Structure formats: C-alpha cells, structure tokens
Amino acid sequence: MTIGELSQLTGVNIETIRYYEKIKVLPVALRAENGRRVYGPTERRILAFVRRSRELGFSLDEVRALLRLGGPDKASCREVREIAARHLDDIRARIGDLRKLERLLTKTVAQCTGTTAPDCPVLDILDVQGSK
C-alpha cells in the first residue's frame, strides 16, 4: 500500500509517518520501482500500535522501548508492565499537579470581582514579575 493508503487506514498524517520513519520509530519503507514508499501489514500494525500508544500518552521514547521489546507480538509482559507502570506513575504525578493548579485557580477566580481594577488576582498569579 502507498503512504496515503497507510495514512487513511491508520488515521496517522502522512508527514507524521515520514517523521516516524526518520526517527526510526517506524521501519524505513521499501521503495517501488517508481520510487514511492510501499507498506505492508507489518508496517500498518506497527503504525497503529504507535498511534494508540501515543493516544494513551506514551512518549516516543517509551514507544521505542516497547517496539524494541518486540512490539505487539513478542514483548515480554514483565518488561512492558515496567514501562507501563512508570508511565502510570507519571500520569498520577501530573494529575496531582493538575489538582493543585485547579485549587489555585479556583481560589484565585473566586477572589476576582470581575470589575475593572488595577489589582486583578488572576493577572497577579500570571504576572511573572509580580510573583517574584
């Protein structure tokens, strides 16, 4: 299949497919006699795997690590679990940070009267100079 067909089947932009090849997340495609890239079911499966991994928030380095383990066919469950557990820890840390941010913004917005005033609590927390 062509890069356009692969793009349509996987929902991954053509430029992203080329980028994944360039950074070696996706194997470099074979070329037909006319010079166009040619893909098969293996590349389609890898690309779908990469896309889903990215949707779940895995970094490209984590995706590479998963693919190095053998991808969706051959990876050791224990090794994959370790990568996923670290990713889960990162997600939980980000959720904690977002909850703190939510509390700060909730408190700040509640202090804002909405009138035109030189002292706006929301602008105050956004002002880099004022927060030093």
C-alpha atoms as a PDB file:
ATOM      1  CA  MET A   1       0.000   0.000   0.000  1.00  0.00           C
ATOM      2  CA  THR A   2       1.077   3.599  -0.520  1.00  0.00           C
ATOM      3  CA  ILE A   3       1.785   6.101   2.230  1.00  0.00           C
ATOM      4  CA  GLY A   4      -1.582   7.742   1.510  1.00  0.00           C
ATOM      5  CA  GLU A   5      -3.417   4.443   1.924  1.00  0.00           C
ATOM      6  CA  LEU A   6      -1.480   3.701   5.105  1.00  0.00           C
ATOM      7  CA  SER A   7      -2.385   7.150   6.392  1.00  0.00           C
ATOM      8  CA  GLN A   8      -6.080   6.599   5.712  1.00  0.00           C
ATOM      9  CA  LEU A   9      -6.116   3.118   7.253  1.00  0.00           C
ATOM     10  CA  THR A  10      -4.349   4.173  10.450  1.00  0.00           C
ATOM     11  CA  GLY A  11      -5.511   7.771  10.838  1.00  0.00           C
ATOM     12  CA  VAL A  12      -1.904   8.960  11.010  1.00  0.00           C
ATOM     13  CA  ASN A  13      -0.914  12.006   8.963  1.00  0.00           C
ATOM     14  CA  ILE A  14       1.457  11.380   6.043  1.00  0.00           C
ATOM     15  CA  GLU A  15       4.030  13.824   7.435  1.00  0.00           C
ATOM     16  CA  THR A  16       3.877  12.033  10.792  1.00  0.00           C
ATOM     17  CA  ILE A  17       4.522   8.705   9.066  1.00  0.00           C
ATOM     18  CA  ARG A  18       7.587  10.190   7.364  1.00  0.00           C
ATOM     19  CA  TYR A  19       8.715  11.646  10.696  1.00  0.00           C
ATOM     20  CA  TYR A  20       8.327   8.267  12.429  1.00  0.00           C
ATOM     21  CA  GLU A  21      10.488   6.721   9.712  1.00  0.00           C
ATOM     22  CA  LYS A  22      13.095   9.458  10.086  1.00  0.00           C
ATOM     23  CA  ILE A  23      13.370   8.969  13.853  1.00  0.00           C
ATOM     24  CA  LYS A  24      13.279   5.184  13.459  1.00  0.00           C
ATOM     25  CA  VAL A  25      10.017   4.536  15.282  1.00  0.00           C
ATOM     26  CA  LEU A  26       8.677   3.023  12.050  1.00  0.00           C
ATOM     27  CA  PRO A  27      10.976   0.994   9.780  1.00  0.00           C
ATOM     28  CA  VAL A  28      12.010   2.804   6.619  1.00  0.00           C
ATOM     29  CA  ALA A  29       9.663   1.694   3.865  1.00  0.00           C
ATOM     30  CA  LEU A  30      10.768  -0.230   0.843  1.00  0.00           C
ATOM     31  CA  ARG A  31      10.554   1.668  -2.423  1.00  0.00           C
ATOM     32  CA  ALA A  32       8.705   0.602  -5.544  1.00  0.00           C
ATOM     33  CA  GLU A  33      10.345   0.964  -8.951  1.00  0.00           C
ATOM     34  CA  ASN A  34       8.744   4.401  -9.271  1.00  0.00           C
ATOM     35  CA  GLY A  35      10.454   5.482  -6.019  1.00  0.00           C
ATOM     36  CA  ARG A  36       7.293   5.598  -3.905  1.00  0.00           C
ATOM     37  CA  ARG A  37       7.199   4.128  -0.452  1.00  0.00           C
ATOM     38  CA  VAL A  38       5.466   0.749  -0.174  1.00  0.00           C
ATOM     39  CA  TYR A  39       3.982  -0.539   3.075  1.00  0.00           C
ATOM     40  CA  GLY A  40       2.543  -3.861   4.145  1.00  0.00           C
ATOM     41  CA  PRO A  41       0.528  -5.293   7.025  1.00  0.00           C
ATOM     42  CA  THR A  42       3.530  -5.249   9.379  1.00  0.00           C
ATOM     43  CA  GLU A  43       4.062  -1.507   8.980  1.00  0.00           C
ATOM     44  CA  ARG A  44       0.319  -0.943   9.304  1.00  0.00           C
ATOM     45  CA  ARG A  45       0.247  -2.853  12.589  1.00  0.00           C
ATOM     46  CA  ILE A  46       3.309  -1.065  13.947  1.00  0.00           C
ATOM     47  CA  LEU A  47       1.899   2.323  12.994  1.00  0.00           C
ATOM     48  CA  ALA A  48      -1.472   1.514  14.586  1.00  0.00           C
ATOM     49  CA  PHE A  49       0.413   0.393  17.710  1.00  0.00           C
ATOM     50  CA  VAL A  50       2.410   3.649  17.770  1.00  0.00           C
ATOM     51  CA  ARG A  51      -0.721   5.750  17.251  1.00  0.00           C
ATOM     52  CA  ARG A  52      -2.610   4.034  20.067  1.00  0.00           C
ATOM     53  CA  SER A  53       0.405   4.255  22.365  1.00  0.00           C
ATOM     54  CA  ARG A  54       0.664   7.990  21.683  1.00  0.00           C
ATOM     55  CA  GLU A  55      -3.087   8.417  22.300  1.00  0.00           C
ATOM     56  CA  LEU A  56      -2.528   6.847  25.718  1.00  0.00           C
ATOM     57  CA  GLY A  57       0.200   9.383  26.399  1.00  0.00           C
ATOM     58  CA  PHE A  58       3.285   7.225  25.980  1.00  0.00           C
ATOM     59  CA  SER A  59       6.309   9.250  24.910  1.00  0.00           C
ATOM     60  CA  LEU A  60       8.160   8.400  21.719  1.00  0.00           C
ATOM     61  CA  ASP A  61      10.999   7.004  23.834  1.00  0.00           C
ATOM     62  CA  GLU A  62       8.552   4.730  25.637  1.00  0.00           C
ATOM     63  CA  VAL A  63       7.050   3.643  22.305  1.00  0.00           C
ATOM     64  CA  ARG A  64      10.547   2.883  21.009  1.00  0.00           C
ATOM     65  CA  ALA A  65      11.241   0.815  24.108  1.00  0.00           C
ATOM     66  CA  LEU A  66       8.015  -1.134  23.634  1.00  0.00           C
ATOM     67  CA  LEU A  67       8.841  -1.753  19.986  1.00  0.00           C
ATOM     68  CA  ARG A  68      12.403  -2.837  20.886  1.00  0.00           C
ATOM     69  CA  LEU A  69      10.865  -5.458  23.147  1.00  0.00           C
ATOM     70  CA  GLY A  70       9.246  -6.977  20.096  1.00  0.00           C
ATOM     71  CA  GLY A  71       6.158  -4.838  19.659  1.00  0.00           C
ATOM     72  CA  PRO A  72       2.656  -6.190  19.896  1.00  0.00           C
ATOM     73  CA  ASP A  73       3.710  -9.768  19.022  1.00  0.00           C
ATOM     74  CA  LYS A  74       6.756 -10.690  21.087  1.00  0.00           C
ATOM     75  CA  ALA A  75       7.230  -8.328  24.027  1.00  0.00           C
ATOM     76  CA  SER A  76       7.720  -9.758  27.491  1.00  0.00           C
ATOM     77  CA  CYS A  77       4.742  -8.882  29.642  1.00  0.00           C
ATOM     78  CA  ARG A  78       7.020  -8.153  32.608  1.00  0.00           C
ATOM     79  CA  GLU A  79       9.101  -5.627  30.670  1.00  0.00           C
ATOM     80  CA  VAL A  80       6.019  -3.993  29.180  1.00  0.00           C
ATOM     81  CA  ARG A  81       4.480  -3.825  32.657  1.00  0.00           C
ATOM     82  CA  GLU A  82       7.534  -1.945  33.949  1.00  0.00           C
ATOM     83  CA  ILE A  83       7.261   0.660  31.187  1.00  0.00           C
ATOM     84  CA  ALA A  84       3.502   0.986  31.708  1.00  0.00           C
ATOM     85  CA  ALA A  85       3.914   1.248  35.498  1.00  0.00           C
ATOM     86  CA  ARG A  86       6.411   4.108  35.118  1.00  0.00           C
ATOM     87  CA  HIS A  87       4.025   5.799  32.694  1.00  0.00           C
ATOM     88  CA  LEU A  88       1.186   5.370  35.183  1.00  0.00           C
ATOM     89  CA  ASP A  89       3.317   6.961  37.914  1.00  0.00           C
ATOM     90  CA  ASP A  90       3.960   9.940  35.602  1.00  0.00           C
ATOM     91  CA  ILE A  91       0.235  10.268  34.872  1.00  0.00           C
ATOM     92  CA  ARG A  92      -0.611  10.193  38.575  1.00  0.00           C
ATOM     93  CA  ALA A  93       2.004  12.875  39.257  1.00  0.00           C
ATOM     94  CA  ARG A  94       0.529  15.064  36.507  1.00  0.00           C
ATOM     95  CA  ILE A  95      -2.966  14.535  37.909  1.00  0.00           C
ATOM     96  CA  GLY A  96      -1.695  15.660  41.310  1.00  0.00           C
ATOM     97  CA  ASP A  97      -0.148  18.752  39.741  1.00  0.00           C
ATOM     98  CA  LEU A  98      -3.381  19.496  37.881  1.00  0.00           C
ATOM     99  CA  ARG A  99      -5.395  19.178  41.095  1.00  0.00           C
ATOM    100  CA  LYS A 100      -3.084  21.695  42.788  1.00  0.00           C
ATOM    101  CA  LEU A 101      -3.458  24.011  39.819  1.00  0.00           C
ATOM    102  CA  GLU A 102      -7.231  23.607  39.944  1.00  0.00           C
ATOM    103  CA  ARG A 103      -7.317  24.585  43.625  1.00  0.00           C
ATOM    104  CA  LEU A 104      -5.112  27.624  42.991  1.00  0.00           C
ATOM    105  CA  LEU A 105      -7.201  28.820  40.054  1.00  0.00           C
ATOM    106  CA  THR A 106     -10.480  28.158  41.869  1.00  0.00           C
ATOM    107  CA  LYS A 107      -9.299  30.243  44.811  1.00  0.00           C
ATOM    108  CA  THR A 108      -7.975  32.987  42.530  1.00  0.00           C
ATOM    109  CA  VAL A 109     -11.100  33.172  40.361  1.00  0.00           C
ATOM    110  CA  ALA A 110     -13.251  33.337  43.500  1.00  0.00           C
ATOM    111  CA  GLN A 111     -11.250  36.390  44.634  1.00  0.00           C
ATOM    112  CA  CYS A 112     -11.799  38.159  41.316  1.00  0.00           C
ATOM    113  CA  THR A 113     -14.721  40.599  41.418  1.00  0.00           C
ATOM    114  CA  GLY A 114     -14.842  40.972  37.653  1.00  0.00           C
ATOM    115  CA  THR A 115     -14.774  44.750  37.845  1.00  0.00           C
ATOM    116  CA  THR A 116     -12.162  46.918  36.211  1.00  0.00           C
ATOM    117  CA  ALA A 117      -9.499  47.297  38.806  1.00  0.00           C
ATOM    118  CA  PRO A 118      -5.721  47.673  38.876  1.00  0.00           C
ATOM    119  CA  ASP A 119      -5.417  44.655  41.170  1.00  0.00           C
ATOM    120  CA  CYS A 120      -6.740  41.538  39.462  1.00  0.00           C
ATOM    121  CA  PRO A 121      -5.973  38.297  41.346  1.00  0.00           C
ATOM    122  CA  VAL A 122      -5.943  36.263  38.136  1.00  0.00           C
ATOM    123  CA  LEU A 123      -3.490  38.598  36.424  1.00  0.00           C
ATOM    124  CA  ASP A 124      -1.403  38.711  39.582  1.00  0.00           C
ATOM    125  CA  ILE A 125      -0.755  34.966  39.565  1.00  0.00           C
ATOM    126  CA  LEU A 126       0.062  35.091  35.839  1.00  0.00           C
ATOM    127  CA  ASP A 127       2.439  38.039  36.105  1.00  0.00           C
ATOM    128  CA  VAL A 128       5.980  36.693  36.268  1.00  0.00           C
ATOM    129  CA  GLN A 129       7.388  39.966  37.580  1.00  0.00           C
ATOM    130  CA  GLY A 130       4.740  40.225  40.293  1.00  0.00           C
ATOM    131  CA  SER A 131       5.246  36.681  41.542  1.00  0.00           C
ATOM    132  CA  LYS A 132       8.965  37.144  42.317  1.00  0.00           C
END
